[in-house]
Amino acid sequence: MGSFQNKATLSLTISMGGLATGFTGGILVPATYFSNIIYEMPNGYQEGTRVSVISTLYGSIGGAIFTGILMNFLGRKLMLNGLVMPYVIGWLSILAFEIPQMIYFGRALIGLSMGGFSVISPIYLSEMAEVWCRGSMVFVFTLLVRVGFFFGFILTMWQGSTRMELMSVLLFISTTILFLPGFFIPESPMVLILQKKESEAIEVLKSIRNSDYDIDRELDDIKLQVEGLKHGSLYFASSLKRRGTKRALLTMIILCFVQQSTFISAYMFWASESGMIIALEHNFFWFAVMVQILVQMIGVFSSLITIDSSGRRTLLLISAALVMISTMGLAIRILYYDDQWLQNINQVDIIFTTSATIMHSVGLTTIPWLLTTEMYTPDIKWLGGVISAVFAWSRRLAVSEFLYFYDKEMVFRVNVVLASISAAIGILVAFFLVIETRNRKMGEIHEILNGGRIEK
């Protein structure tokens, strides 16, 4: 276990699901088009694309709910490793059976794993991290999602339809191998305490902390949280009655809505299979997607190295304010040109879109996920993770369906206007509802949420 004293190694190992999720997303965006060529999807490209997308997204929603409910019973480690199985079977179904129905089935299984990873990994990371580096460790998951998407997209577009099957096999093998270290990581100390395995929790803390670290203090904090739950709050209905739970739920539901509304309007339109059609017609699909992914990676990495020094609320306020300005500028441009906007796209639109994306990545992309791991008590944390993940995947599903059934330019215009309004709401939420969790123990955060004194 001593090798896991390196926090970077631990973060990367737990975050491999993020890399797999990104790889899969990067492959599926352009591969949907190639799959329709190779396998002759029924009802043509448009319908084949839609069914492929919603298979993955419905699987992701189901996976998020499934993981959230089971992760307290099975533990973090077993749940994380268990999600590898549907991912592997999903890819084997796609690669072994060259028929549309198995592609849909495989994508649904892959989506189940993707949704599960988005719930379990951030929570697992936050429980394994020390107070001073909790934010950066959770941010590793989001960064690897972007890195995975980047390389998956490049490889798929580079290989094209002629060698897509071989490339998919290689990616399947490589991402599966990346999961292997996950079988050797320790269980979360929080879970071990909940399971009344204190001696094992102590051994885990010794293996992942420095030799001069005060393990007893962290152990006392975990016990304090668990003991508080044993005095009448272990039942779900009782948990919802707590003042802290109500505030956390209100804050995170609004913040998740803001997160998804501001994100999809800028990036997801061009990166989605439906948006790909328009972008290809205007010969800037490659540029639009690659720039958006690169600036997201830069934004997430920048916040990863500053989140534990600058604070959550500060980055969130800066991110929401600049996203609001960028999306308002883009909305003015779109409303000015009305129905002719796509025919008049220029560098100004690219600047506004890129600015909105990078500033979203700095705060709104990941901080809501981080706060989900910090603001909920252990008995209700699964619900917080499910809410965040379901919001994310449901929003993508809604946009995908709207882009299929309605005019794409109209959908994009509505989303841009909604993004600017949502960003303004995000500023208010960050200022009035979000508490600063930087360098605070979990027990202290929950005490504050329940009306306790804020310790300086």
Protein backbone atom coordinates (compact mmCIF):
# COMPACT_ATOMS: atom_id res chain seq x y z
CA MET A 1 0.00 0.00 0.00
CA GLY A 2 2.97 2.32 0.54
CA SER A 3 3.24 3.09 -3.16
CA PHE A 4 -0.06 4.90 -2.94
CA GLN A 5 1.43 7.59 -0.74
CA ASN A 6 1.94 9.44 -3.99
CA LYS A 7 -1.31 11.40 -4.27
CA ALA A 8 -0.96 11.84 -8.02
CA THR A 9 -0.88 8.08 -8.50
CA LEU A 10 -3.95 7.61 -6.31
CA SER A 11 -5.83 10.38 -8.13
CA LEU A 12 -5.00 9.00 -11.56
CA THR A 13 -5.94 5.44 -10.60
CA ILE A 14 -9.36 6.38 -9.24
CA SER A 15 -9.93 8.71 -12.21
CA MET A 16 -9.34 6.10 -14.94
CA GLY A 17 -13.11 5.94 -15.40
CA GLY A 18 -12.95 9.60 -16.43
CA LEU A 19 -10.32 8.82 -19.05
CA ALA A 20 -12.46 5.94 -20.36
CA THR A 21 -15.54 8.19 -20.39
CA GLY A 22 -13.65 10.81 -22.38
CA PHE A 23 -12.18 8.23 -24.77
CA THR A 24 -15.63 6.84 -25.41
CA GLY A 25 -17.16 10.27 -26.01
CA GLY A 26 -14.33 11.22 -28.35
CA ILE A 27 -14.78 8.01 -30.31
CA LEU A 28 -18.57 8.06 -30.47
CA VAL A 29 -18.93 11.61 -31.82
CA PRO A 30 -17.29 11.07 -35.24
CA ALA A 31 -17.62 7.26 -35.16
CA THR A 32 -21.40 7.53 -35.30
CA TYR A 33 -21.04 8.89 -38.81
CA PHE A 34 -18.57 6.18 -39.83
CA SER A 35 -20.68 3.45 -38.20
CA ASN A 36 -23.63 4.41 -40.35
CA ILE A 37 -21.44 4.01 -43.43
CA ILE A 38 -20.03 0.64 -42.38
CA TYR A 39 -23.08 -0.96 -40.81
CA GLU A 40 -25.85 0.78 -42.79
CA MET A 41 -27.94 1.90 -39.83
CA PRO A 42 -31.70 1.59 -40.35
CA ASN A 43 -33.61 4.73 -41.35
CA GLY A 44 -30.46 6.51 -42.49
CA TYR A 45 -27.81 8.61 -40.82
CA GLN A 46 -30.08 10.93 -38.82
CA GLU A 47 -32.16 8.25 -37.12
CA GLY A 48 -29.17 5.95 -36.62
CA THR A 49 -27.32 8.82 -34.97
CA ARG A 50 -30.26 9.62 -32.70
CA VAL A 51 -30.71 6.04 -31.50
CA SER A 52 -26.97 5.67 -30.92
CA VAL A 53 -26.82 8.86 -28.88
CA ILE A 54 -29.88 8.22 -26.74
CA SER A 55 -28.77 4.63 -26.08
CA THR A 56 -25.58 5.96 -24.53
CA LEU A 57 -27.30 8.78 -22.64
CA TYR A 58 -30.12 6.66 -21.23
CA GLY A 59 -27.49 4.15 -20.14
CA SER A 60 -25.56 6.97 -18.42
CA ILE A 61 -28.63 8.16 -16.53
CA GLY A 62 -29.41 4.62 -15.41
CA GLY A 63 -25.78 4.03 -14.44
CA ALA A 64 -25.71 7.16 -12.30
CA ILE A 65 -28.82 6.12 -10.37
CA PHE A 66 -27.69 2.49 -10.07
CA THR A 67 -24.25 3.48 -8.76
CA GLY A 68 -25.58 6.07 -6.32
CA ILE A 69 -27.93 3.58 -4.69
CA LEU A 70 -25.41 0.75 -4.40
CA MET A 71 -22.13 2.51 -3.56
CA ASN A 72 -22.79 2.70 0.19
CA PHE A 73 -23.69 -1.00 0.32
CA LEU A 74 -20.87 -2.29 -1.85
CA GLY A 75 -18.22 0.27 -0.93
CA ARG A 76 -16.33 2.64 -3.20
CA LYS A 77 -13.66 0.24 -4.40
CA LEU A 78 -15.97 -2.65 -5.33
CA MET A 79 -18.45 -0.31 -7.00
CA LEU A 80 -15.73 1.41 -9.04
CA ASN A 81 -14.20 -1.86 -10.18
CA GLY A 82 -17.63 -3.36 -10.84
CA LEU A 83 -18.36 -0.62 -13.38
CA VAL A 84 -15.51 -1.92 -15.53
CA MET A 85 -17.58 -5.00 -16.48
CA PRO A 86 -20.41 -3.27 -18.41
CA TYR A 87 -17.79 -1.07 -20.08
CA VAL A 88 -15.87 -4.11 -21.32
CA ILE A 89 -19.00 -6.04 -22.35
CA GLY A 90 -20.34 -2.96 -24.13
CA TRP A 91 -17.25 -2.60 -26.27
CA LEU A 92 -17.13 -6.33 -26.99
CA SER A 93 -20.77 -6.20 -28.14
CA ILE A 94 -19.97 -3.39 -30.56
CA LEU A 95 -16.80 -4.99 -31.91
CA ALA A 96 -17.94 -8.63 -32.05
CA PHE A 97 -21.42 -8.21 -33.57
CA GLU A 98 -21.49 -5.90 -36.57
CA ILE A 99 -25.21 -5.22 -36.45
CA PRO A 100 -26.99 -1.99 -35.41
CA GLN A 101 -28.93 -3.57 -32.54
CA MET A 102 -25.74 -4.75 -30.80
CA ILE A 103 -24.17 -1.33 -31.33
CA TYR A 104 -27.13 0.25 -29.53
CA PHE A 105 -26.94 -2.38 -26.77
CA GLY A 106 -23.19 -1.93 -26.41
CA ARG A 107 -23.47 1.83 -26.20
CA ALA A 108 -26.14 1.54 -23.52
CA LEU A 109 -23.80 -0.62 -21.41
CA ILE A 110 -20.91 1.75 -21.99
CA GLY A 111 -23.19 4.61 -21.00
CA LEU A 112 -24.10 2.78 -17.80
CA SER A 113 -20.42 2.70 -16.85
CA MET A 114 -19.90 6.33 -17.85
CA GLY A 115 -22.79 7.46 -15.66
CA GLY A 116 -21.51 5.36 -12.78
CA PHE A 117 -17.98 6.71 -13.04
CA SER A 118 -19.30 10.29 -12.93
CA VAL A 119 -20.92 9.54 -9.54
CA ILE A 120 -18.43 7.31 -7.76
CA SER A 121 -15.06 8.74 -8.81
CA PRO A 122 -15.40 12.32 -7.44
CA ILE A 123 -16.80 11.02 -4.13
CA TYR A 124 -14.08 8.37 -3.84
CA LEU A 125 -11.37 10.95 -4.57
CA SER A 126 -12.66 13.44 -1.99
CA GLU A 127 -12.75 10.78 0.72
CA MET A 128 -9.18 9.68 -0.01
CA ALA A 129 -7.77 13.21 -0.14
CA GLU A 130 -6.31 15.33 2.62
CA VAL A 131 -8.09 18.61 3.37
CA TRP A 132 -5.46 20.80 1.71
CA CYS A 133 -5.53 18.98 -1.66
CA ARG A 134 -9.14 17.74 -1.85
CA GLY A 135 -10.10 20.10 -4.66
CA SER A 136 -7.17 19.31 -6.94
CA MET A 137 -7.61 15.55 -6.51
CA VAL A 138 -11.28 15.73 -7.52
CA PHE A 139 -10.39 17.95 -10.48
CA VAL A 140 -8.12 15.20 -11.85
CA PHE A 141 -11.24 13.24 -12.84
CA THR A 142 -12.62 16.11 -14.95
CA LEU A 143 -9.23 16.77 -16.51
CA LEU A 144 -8.89 13.13 -17.61
CA VAL A 145 -12.37 13.24 -19.17
CA ARG A 146 -11.16 16.11 -21.38
CA VAL A 147 -7.84 14.43 -22.14
CA GLY A 148 -9.60 11.19 -23.06
CA PHE A 149 -12.07 12.98 -25.33
CA PHE A 150 -9.23 14.83 -27.05
CA PHE A 151 -7.26 11.72 -27.97
CA GLY A 152 -10.31 9.60 -28.75
CA PHE A 153 -11.62 12.26 -31.14
CA ILE A 154 -8.27 12.77 -32.87
CA LEU A 155 -7.66 9.06 -33.37
CA THR A 156 -11.13 8.40 -34.73
CA MET A 157 -11.09 11.31 -37.17
CA TRP A 158 -7.55 10.46 -38.24
CA GLN A 159 -8.24 6.78 -38.88
CA GLY A 160 -11.66 7.37 -40.41
CA SER A 161 -14.00 4.67 -41.59
CA THR A 162 -11.31 2.56 -43.28
CA ARG A 163 -9.54 1.52 -40.06
CA MET A 164 -12.13 2.38 -37.43
CA GLU A 165 -12.63 -1.20 -36.28
CA LEU A 166 -8.90 -1.82 -35.71
CA MET A 167 -8.54 1.52 -33.92
CA SER A 168 -11.55 0.75 -31.70
CA VAL A 169 -10.04 -2.60 -30.72
CA LEU A 170 -6.75 -0.95 -29.75
CA LEU A 171 -8.54 1.72 -27.73
CA PHE A 172 -10.69 -0.91 -26.04
CA ILE A 173 -7.62 -2.90 -25.01
CA SER A 174 -5.68 0.15 -23.83
CA THR A 175 -8.50 1.60 -21.73
CA THR A 176 -9.26 -1.81 -20.22
CA ILE A 177 -5.62 -2.19 -19.16
CA LEU A 178 -5.79 1.25 -17.54
CA PHE A 179 -8.45 -0.07 -15.17
CA LEU A 180 -6.16 -2.77 -13.72
CA PRO A 181 -4.48 -0.58 -11.05
CA GLY A 182 -7.95 0.09 -9.60
CA PHE A 183 -8.03 -3.42 -8.17
CA PHE A 184 -5.05 -2.62 -5.94
CA ILE A 185 -6.21 0.68 -4.40
CA PRO A 186 -7.47 0.75 -0.80
CA GLU A 187 -11.08 1.22 0.26
CA SER A 188 -12.27 4.64 1.41
CA PRO A 189 -11.67 5.19 5.17
CA MET A 190 -15.18 6.64 5.41
CA VAL A 191 -16.71 3.41 4.14
CA LEU A 192 -14.56 1.31 6.47
CA ILE A 193 -15.69 3.33 9.48
CA LEU A 194 -19.32 2.97 8.38
CA GLN A 195 -18.70 -0.78 8.17
CA LYS A 196 -17.16 -0.73 11.70
CA LYS A 197 -13.71 -1.68 10.42
CA GLU A 198 -11.70 0.93 12.29
CA SER A 199 -8.42 -0.99 12.28
CA GLU A 200 -8.56 -1.32 8.49
CA ALA A 201 -9.39 2.38 8.16
CA ILE A 202 -6.30 3.23 10.22
CA GLU A 203 -4.12 1.04 7.99
CA VAL A 204 -5.50 2.74 4.87
CA LEU A 205 -4.82 6.20 6.28
CA LYS A 206 -1.26 5.17 7.15
CA SER A 207 -0.72 3.92 3.61
CA ILE A 208 -1.95 7.06 1.83
CA ARG A 209 -0.72 9.78 4.22
CA ASN A 210 2.77 11.06 5.00
CA SER A 211 4.53 9.61 8.03
CA ASP A 212 4.21 12.87 10.01
CA TYR A 213 0.50 13.27 9.27
CA ASP A 214 -1.95 13.42 12.22
CA ILE A 215 -4.07 10.37 11.39
CA ASP A 216 -5.94 10.46 14.69
CA ARG A 217 -7.34 13.90 13.91
CA GLU A 218 -8.73 12.79 10.55
CA LEU A 219 -10.08 9.61 12.07
CA ASP A 220 -11.88 11.63 14.74
CA ASP A 221 -13.44 13.82 12.03
CA ILE A 222 -14.73 10.74 10.18
CA LYS A 223 -16.08 9.25 13.40
CA LEU A 224 -17.81 12.52 14.24
CA GLN A 225 -19.70 12.41 10.95
CA VAL A 226 -20.62 8.77 11.39
CA GLU A 227 -21.66 9.17 15.04
CA GLY A 228 -23.88 12.08 14.10
CA LEU A 229 -25.67 9.86 11.65
CA LYS A 230 -26.16 7.04 14.14
CA HIS A 231 -28.18 9.30 16.44
CA GLY A 232 -31.35 9.11 14.44
CA SER A 233 -30.29 10.29 10.98
CA LEU A 234 -29.33 7.12 9.20
CA TYR A 235 -32.78 6.82 7.67
CA PHE A 236 -33.32 8.62 4.42
CA ALA A 237 -36.46 10.52 5.52
CA SER A 238 -34.67 11.79 8.63
CA SER A 239 -31.71 12.90 6.56
CA LEU A 240 -33.89 15.07 4.35
CA LYS A 241 -35.24 16.91 7.40
CA ARG A 242 -31.85 18.25 8.42
CA ARG A 243 -31.28 21.94 7.77
CA GLY A 244 -27.89 21.24 6.24
CA THR A 245 -29.30 18.69 3.81
CA LYS A 246 -32.03 21.08 2.66
CA ARG A 247 -29.52 23.86 2.04
CA ALA A 248 -27.11 21.53 0.28
CA LEU A 249 -29.88 20.15 -1.96
CA LEU A 250 -31.19 23.61 -2.86
CA THR A 251 -27.71 24.92 -3.60
CA MET A 252 -26.61 21.96 -5.67
CA ILE A 253 -29.82 21.56 -7.69
CA ILE A 254 -29.65 25.20 -8.79
CA LEU A 255 -25.91 25.00 -9.37
CA CYS A 256 -26.22 21.84 -11.47
CA PHE A 257 -28.87 23.51 -13.61
CA VAL A 258 -26.60 26.52 -14.09
CA GLN A 259 -23.64 24.27 -14.86
CA GLN A 260 -25.42 22.37 -17.62
CA SER A 261 -27.28 25.36 -19.10
CA THR A 262 -24.12 27.40 -19.51
CA PHE A 263 -21.94 24.53 -20.73
CA ILE A 264 -24.02 22.94 -23.46
CA SER A 265 -24.91 26.19 -25.22
CA ALA A 266 -21.29 26.81 -26.16
CA TYR A 267 -19.53 23.49 -26.57
CA MET A 268 -21.95 20.60 -26.77
CA PHE A 269 -23.73 22.01 -29.82
CA TRP A 270 -20.67 21.66 -32.01
CA ALA A 271 -19.34 18.48 -30.41
CA SER A 272 -22.66 16.62 -30.56
CA GLU A 273 -23.46 14.37 -33.48
CA SER A 274 -26.39 16.60 -34.47
CA GLY A 275 -24.30 19.76 -34.38
CA MET A 276 -21.66 17.94 -36.41
CA ILE A 277 -23.92 18.08 -39.48
CA ILE A 278 -24.12 21.87 -39.48
CA ALA A 279 -20.45 22.29 -38.60
CA LEU A 280 -19.34 20.01 -41.44
CA GLU A 281 -21.43 22.01 -43.88
CA HIS A 282 -19.52 25.14 -42.86
CA ASN A 283 -16.11 23.41 -42.92
CA PHE A 284 -15.07 24.23 -39.36
CA PHE A 285 -16.03 21.10 -37.44
CA TRP A 286 -12.41 20.14 -36.83
CA PHE A 287 -11.47 23.63 -35.74
CA ALA A 288 -14.53 24.17 -33.53
CA VAL A 289 -14.24 20.88 -31.65
CA MET A 290 -10.46 20.84 -31.27
CA VAL A 291 -10.29 24.43 -30.02
CA GLN A 292 -13.10 23.81 -27.54
CA ILE A 293 -11.46 20.66 -26.17
CA LEU A 294 -8.02 22.27 -25.90
CA VAL A 295 -9.28 25.34 -24.07
CA GLN A 296 -11.29 23.11 -21.73
CA MET A 297 -8.16 21.17 -20.87
CA ILE A 298 -6.30 24.43 -20.23
CA GLY A 299 -9.15 25.81 -18.12
CA VAL A 300 -9.57 22.68 -15.99
CA PHE A 301 -5.82 22.34 -15.46
CA SER A 302 -5.55 26.00 -14.44
CA SER A 303 -8.26 25.59 -11.84
CA LEU A 304 -6.77 22.26 -10.70
CA ILE A 305 -3.58 24.01 -9.59
CA THR A 306 -5.39 26.97 -7.99
CA ILE A 307 -8.61 25.53 -6.49
CA ASP A 308 -7.09 24.73 -3.10
CA SER A 309 -5.45 28.14 -2.74
CA SER A 310 -7.99 30.52 -4.26
CA GLY A 311 -11.14 28.85 -2.92
CA ARG A 312 -14.32 27.43 -4.43
CA ARG A 313 -16.54 30.53 -4.20
CA THR A 314 -13.94 32.83 -5.76
CA LEU A 315 -13.41 30.67 -8.84
CA LEU A 316 -17.13 30.03 -9.13
CA LEU A 317 -17.94 33.76 -9.07
CA ILE A 318 -15.24 34.61 -11.62
CA SER A 319 -16.28 31.75 -13.88
CA ALA A 320 -20.02 32.59 -13.80
CA ALA A 321 -19.39 36.32 -14.35
CA LEU A 322 -17.15 35.86 -17.40
CA VAL A 323 -19.38 33.14 -18.86
CA MET A 324 -22.31 35.56 -18.54
CA ILE A 325 -20.41 38.28 -20.40
CA SER A 326 -19.29 35.90 -23.17
CA THR A 327 -22.71 34.34 -23.72
CA MET A 328 -24.41 37.75 -23.65
CA GLY A 329 -22.03 38.90 -26.39
CA LEU A 330 -22.78 35.79 -28.43
CA ALA A 331 -26.53 36.22 -27.86
CA ILE A 332 -26.39 39.81 -29.13
CA ARG A 333 -24.56 38.64 -32.25
CA ILE A 334 -27.11 35.88 -32.89
CA LEU A 335 -30.13 38.12 -32.30
CA TYR A 336 -28.64 40.80 -34.59
CA TYR A 337 -28.29 38.41 -37.53
CA ASP A 338 -31.43 36.42 -36.60
CA ASP A 339 -31.94 33.54 -39.07
CA GLN A 340 -28.79 34.39 -41.00
CA TRP A 341 -26.37 33.87 -38.11
CA LEU A 342 -24.81 30.64 -39.36
CA GLN A 343 -24.10 32.29 -42.70
CA ASN A 344 -22.30 35.17 -40.93
CA ILE A 345 -20.14 33.32 -38.42
CA ASN A 346 -16.75 34.99 -38.00
CA GLN A 347 -13.85 35.30 -35.58
CA VAL A 348 -15.98 37.25 -33.07
CA ASP A 349 -18.31 34.29 -32.60
CA ILE A 350 -15.36 31.94 -32.16
CA ILE A 351 -13.84 34.29 -29.55
CA PHE A 352 -17.09 34.52 -27.60
CA THR A 353 -17.65 30.75 -27.74
CA THR A 354 -14.06 29.93 -26.82
CA SER A 355 -14.07 32.50 -24.01
CA ALA A 356 -17.30 31.05 -22.59
CA THR A 357 -15.86 27.56 -22.76
CA ILE A 358 -12.54 28.26 -21.09
CA MET A 359 -14.13 30.35 -18.33
CA HIS A 360 -16.73 27.64 -17.79
CA SER A 361 -13.89 25.13 -17.42
CA VAL A 362 -12.22 27.27 -14.78
CA GLY A 363 -15.13 26.99 -12.36
CA LEU A 364 -18.60 25.94 -13.47
CA THR A 365 -17.44 22.72 -15.13
CA THR A 366 -16.01 21.02 -12.05
CA ILE A 367 -16.74 22.98 -8.86
CA PRO A 368 -20.37 21.74 -8.65
CA TRP A 369 -19.03 18.16 -8.75
CA LEU A 370 -16.51 19.04 -6.04
CA LEU A 371 -19.13 20.68 -3.83
CA THR A 372 -21.30 17.57 -4.19
CA THR A 373 -18.56 15.59 -2.46
CA GLU A 374 -18.17 18.20 0.30
CA MET A 375 -21.63 19.54 1.17
CA TYR A 376 -23.48 16.27 1.76
CA THR A 377 -23.17 14.03 4.81
CA PRO A 378 -22.14 10.40 4.13
CA ASP A 379 -25.68 9.02 4.28
CA ILE A 380 -27.02 11.48 1.70
CA LYS A 381 -23.88 11.88 -0.45
CA TRP A 382 -25.10 9.21 -2.87
CA LEU A 383 -28.19 11.31 -3.61
CA GLY A 384 -26.07 14.38 -4.28
CA GLY A 385 -23.91 12.43 -6.70
CA VAL A 386 -26.97 11.06 -8.49
CA ILE A 387 -28.55 14.52 -8.80
CA SER A 388 -25.38 15.99 -10.31
CA ALA A 389 -24.86 13.13 -12.76
CA VAL A 390 -28.50 12.85 -13.81
CA PHE A 391 -28.62 16.60 -14.42
CA ALA A 392 -25.54 16.33 -16.63
CA TRP A 393 -26.66 13.36 -18.71
CA SER A 394 -30.32 14.40 -18.91
CA ARG A 395 -29.36 17.83 -20.19
CA ARG A 396 -27.27 16.26 -22.93
CA LEU A 397 -30.17 13.98 -23.81
CA ALA A 398 -32.60 16.90 -23.96
CA VAL A 399 -30.34 18.96 -26.21
CA SER A 400 -29.70 15.98 -28.47
CA GLU A 401 -33.44 15.35 -28.86
CA PHE A 402 -34.25 19.02 -29.42
CA LEU A 403 -31.56 19.26 -32.06
CA TYR A 404 -33.08 16.24 -33.81
CA PHE A 405 -36.73 17.31 -33.74
CA TYR A 406 -36.43 21.09 -34.02
CA ASP A 407 -34.58 23.67 -36.09
CA LYS A 408 -30.93 23.58 -34.99
CA GLU A 409 -30.32 27.29 -35.29
CA MET A 410 -33.39 28.02 -33.17
CA VAL A 411 -32.30 25.53 -30.49
CA PHE A 412 -28.84 27.06 -30.38
CA ARG A 413 -30.20 30.62 -30.10
CA VAL A 414 -32.47 29.63 -27.22
CA ASN A 415 -29.61 27.86 -25.43
CA VAL A 416 -27.29 30.85 -25.72
CA VAL A 417 -29.88 33.20 -24.24
CA LEU A 418 -30.62 30.64 -21.51
CA ALA A 419 -26.88 30.38 -20.81
CA SER A 420 -26.49 34.11 -20.15
CA ILE A 421 -29.51 34.11 -17.80
CA SER A 422 -28.28 30.95 -16.05
CA ALA A 423 -24.81 32.42 -15.55
CA ALA A 424 -26.39 35.43 -13.84
CA ILE A 425 -28.27 33.03 -11.55
CA GLY A 426 -24.98 31.25 -10.91
CA ILE A 427 -23.42 34.47 -9.63
CA LEU A 428 -26.26 34.89 -7.12
CA VAL A 429 -26.06 31.26 -5.98
CA ALA A 430 -22.28 31.43 -5.54
CA PHE A 431 -22.56 34.65 -3.54
CA PHE A 432 -25.52 33.86 -1.29
CA LEU A 433 -25.77 30.06 -0.97
CA VAL A 434 -22.37 28.48 -1.56
CA ILE A 435 -20.16 28.29 1.52
CA GLU A 436 -16.38 28.25 1.25
CA THR A 437 -15.22 24.68 1.82
CA ARG A 438 -11.50 25.16 1.14
CA ASN A 439 -9.27 23.77 3.91
CA ARG A 440 -12.29 22.79 6.01
CA LYS A 441 -12.84 19.34 7.44
CA MET A 442 -16.05 17.62 6.40
CA GLY A 443 -17.45 17.77 9.92
CA GLU A 444 -16.91 21.53 10.04
CA ILE A 445 -18.61 22.03 6.66
CA HIS A 446 -21.68 20.11 7.78
CA GLU A 447 -21.78 22.02 11.07
CA ILE A 448 -21.83 25.32 9.16
CA LEU A 449 -24.61 24.09 6.86
CA ASN A 450 -26.68 23.14 9.87
CA GLY A 451 -26.34 26.61 11.35
CA GLY A 452 -23.24 26.13 13.44
CA ARG A 453 -20.54 28.70 14.06
CA ILE A 454 -18.07 29.38 11.25
CA GLU A 455 -14.62 28.76 12.62
CA LYS A 456 -11.89 31.09 11.40
